Protein backbone atom coordinates (compact mmCIF):
# COMPACT_ATOMS: atom_id res chain seq x y z
CA MET A 1 -0.03 0.00 0.02
CA ALA A 2 1.14 3.49 -0.76
CA ASP A 3 2.40 5.88 2.02
CA VAL A 4 -0.18 8.74 2.09
CA GLU A 5 2.23 11.28 3.60
CA LYS A 6 4.40 11.05 0.55
CA LEU A 7 1.76 11.05 -2.21
CA ASP A 8 1.13 14.74 -2.44
CA SER A 9 4.58 15.65 -3.46
CA ARG A 10 4.45 13.04 -6.37
CA LEU A 11 0.95 13.24 -7.42
CA GLY A 12 0.34 16.93 -7.23
CA GLY A 13 -2.47 18.57 -5.34
CA TYR A 14 -5.27 17.92 -7.83
CA LEU A 15 -4.82 14.14 -7.96
CA PHE A 16 -4.17 14.03 -4.21
CA GLU A 17 -7.38 15.85 -3.52
CA GLY A 18 -9.24 13.59 -5.92
CA LEU A 19 -8.02 10.36 -4.19
CA GLY A 20 -8.98 11.85 -0.79
CA ALA A 21 -12.57 12.39 -2.00
CA THR A 22 -12.99 8.72 -3.17
CA ARG A 23 -15.34 6.22 -1.50
CA MET A 24 -12.34 3.87 -1.17
CA ARG A 25 -10.41 6.44 0.88
CA HIS A 26 -13.46 7.26 3.11
CA ARG A 27 -13.82 3.49 3.83
CA GLU A 28 -10.06 3.33 4.75
CA ASN A 29 -10.43 6.32 7.07
CA GLN A 30 -13.53 4.62 8.72
CA ARG A 31 -11.41 1.59 9.37
CA ARG A 32 -8.72 3.93 10.75
CA VAL A 33 -6.32 3.07 7.93
CA THR A 34 -4.90 6.58 7.53
CA ARG A 35 -1.19 6.25 6.97
CA PHE A 36 -1.41 3.93 3.90
CA THR A 37 -3.90 3.71 1.15
CA ASP A 38 -4.93 1.26 -1.59
CA THR A 39 -6.25 4.05 -3.76
CA VAL A 40 -2.79 4.27 -5.45
CA ARG A 41 -1.22 1.20 -7.00
CA LEU A 42 2.07 0.76 -9.05
CA HIS A 43 2.23 -1.89 -11.68
CA VAL A 44 5.91 -2.72 -11.98
CA ALA A 45 7.68 -3.14 -15.38
CA HIS A 46 8.17 -6.68 -16.49
CA ARG A 47 11.64 -5.99 -17.83
CA GLU A 48 14.27 -3.29 -17.30
CA GLY A 49 13.63 -0.22 -19.46
CA GLU A 50 9.84 -0.91 -19.84
CA ASP A 51 7.22 1.45 -18.54
CA PHE A 52 5.53 1.25 -15.08
CA LYS A 53 1.89 1.99 -14.84
CA LEU A 54 0.54 4.09 -11.95
CA GLU A 55 -3.09 3.53 -11.01
CA VAL A 56 -4.88 6.20 -9.03
CA TRP A 57 -8.50 6.06 -7.87
CA VAL A 58 -10.13 9.45 -7.83
CA ALA A 59 -13.47 11.04 -7.39
CA LEU A 60 -15.59 11.14 -10.47
CA SER A 61 -15.33 14.98 -11.03
CA ILE A 62 -11.51 14.68 -11.07
CA GLY A 63 -11.58 11.79 -13.48
CA LYS A 64 -13.89 13.53 -15.84
CA ALA A 65 -11.71 16.63 -15.85
CA ILE A 66 -8.60 14.56 -16.68
CA ALA A 67 -10.51 12.68 -19.35
CA GLN A 68 -11.54 15.90 -21.00
CA ALA A 69 -7.99 17.45 -20.74
CA LYS A 70 -6.25 14.45 -22.25
CA MET A 71 -8.41 14.64 -25.37
CA LYS A 72 -7.68 18.43 -25.84
CA SER A 73 -3.99 18.84 -25.41
CA ILE A 74 -1.19 17.04 -23.54
CA ASP A 75 -0.16 20.33 -22.04
CA ASP A 76 -3.58 20.59 -20.32
CA LEU A 77 -2.58 17.58 -18.31
CA GLU A 78 0.37 19.15 -16.55
CA THR A 79 -1.77 21.14 -14.07
CA LEU A 80 -3.96 18.18 -13.30
CA LEU A 81 -1.25 15.58 -12.98
CA GLY A 82 1.33 17.81 -11.19
CA GLY A 83 4.75 18.60 -12.59
CA TYR A 84 6.54 15.40 -11.44
CA LEU A 85 3.96 12.94 -12.68
CA PHE A 86 3.58 14.90 -16.04
CA GLU A 87 7.27 14.69 -16.74
CA ALA A 88 7.43 11.04 -15.76
CA MET A 89 4.58 10.31 -18.20
CA LYS A 90 6.26 12.34 -20.97
CA ALA A 91 9.42 10.24 -20.51
CA SER A 92 7.56 6.97 -20.81
CA ASN A 93 8.11 4.75 -23.75
CA TRP A 94 4.51 4.96 -24.55
CA ARG A 95 4.52 8.72 -24.91
CA LYS A 96 7.82 8.71 -26.78
CA GLU A 97 6.31 6.28 -29.33
CA GLU A 98 3.34 8.59 -29.73
CA GLU A 99 5.67 11.51 -30.40
CA ARG A 100 7.64 9.56 -32.94
CA THR A 101 4.51 8.59 -34.91
CA LYS A 102 3.40 12.27 -34.70
CA LEU A 103 0.03 11.53 -33.13
CA PRO A 104 -1.93 14.68 -32.23
CA GLY A 105 -1.54 16.42 -28.89
CA CYS A 106 -3.87 13.97 -27.05
CA THR A 107 -2.19 10.88 -25.43
CA GLY A 108 -2.94 7.27 -24.55
CA ALA A 109 -0.21 7.39 -21.92
CA VAL A 110 -3.03 8.59 -19.59
CA ASN A 111 -6.19 6.42 -19.42
CA VAL A 112 -9.32 7.24 -17.37
CA SER A 113 -11.92 4.54 -16.61
CA LEU A 114 -15.16 6.26 -15.92
CA PRO A 115 -18.10 4.31 -14.22
CA ASN A 116 -21.21 3.50 -16.27
CA ALA A 117 -23.44 5.46 -13.78
CA ASP A 118 -23.20 9.13 -12.87
CA ASP A 119 -23.56 8.44 -9.14
CA ASP A 120 -20.24 9.77 -7.81
CA SER A 121 -18.58 6.43 -8.04
CA ASP A 122 -14.88 6.35 -7.97
CA CYS A 123 -12.93 6.16 -11.15
CA LYS A 124 -9.44 4.96 -12.11
CA VAL A 125 -6.76 7.02 -13.76
CA GLU A 126 -3.79 5.17 -15.16
CA VAL A 127 -0.56 6.94 -16.02
CA MET A 128 2.35 5.42 -17.88
CA LEU A 129 5.69 6.26 -16.22
CA SER A 130 9.27 5.86 -17.41
CA PHE A 131 11.21 3.01 -15.96
CA GLU A 132 13.29 5.39 -13.90
CA ALA A 133 10.36 7.30 -12.48
CA GLY A 134 8.62 4.01 -11.81
CA GLN A 135 11.55 2.69 -9.83
CA PHE A 136 11.85 5.89 -7.82
CA MET A 137 8.13 5.87 -7.00
CA TRP A 138 8.24 2.31 -6.04
CA ALA A 139 11.12 2.95 -3.52
CA GLU A 140 9.65 6.19 -2.18
CA LEU A 141 5.83 5.55 -1.96
CA PHE A 142 5.65 1.83 -1.33
CA PRO A 143 7.56 0.82 1.76
CA SER A 144 8.35 -2.82 2.12
């Protein structure tokens, strides 16, 4: 589970606020699980040099804003993801391949899974990270 105290500096304020407003996080707080959270998960690269995938559960309104921004312009994501996460995404193999193939400003390196209902359910945001950024986040945010 991720260390909550260290998340704000890596996720940025907007995402951190979004995970704090999730139903998942509210349930953790009710169970008095406050230091660690399962609202942030890191999928480790299979081989050295491959991308890591960061999964963040956020409130529906935050997820919708990110989904809209990613379709407009990649630059619109910087404010929503925070500087560190945005740079880690831009350095991912996924994003570099998009740049090589000259895809428009939107990106598939950020994916938002919105719920079918509009009932304030949590939604999942996945961000591809460079291998180096993923290793750093693993060591910093996920204590063994």
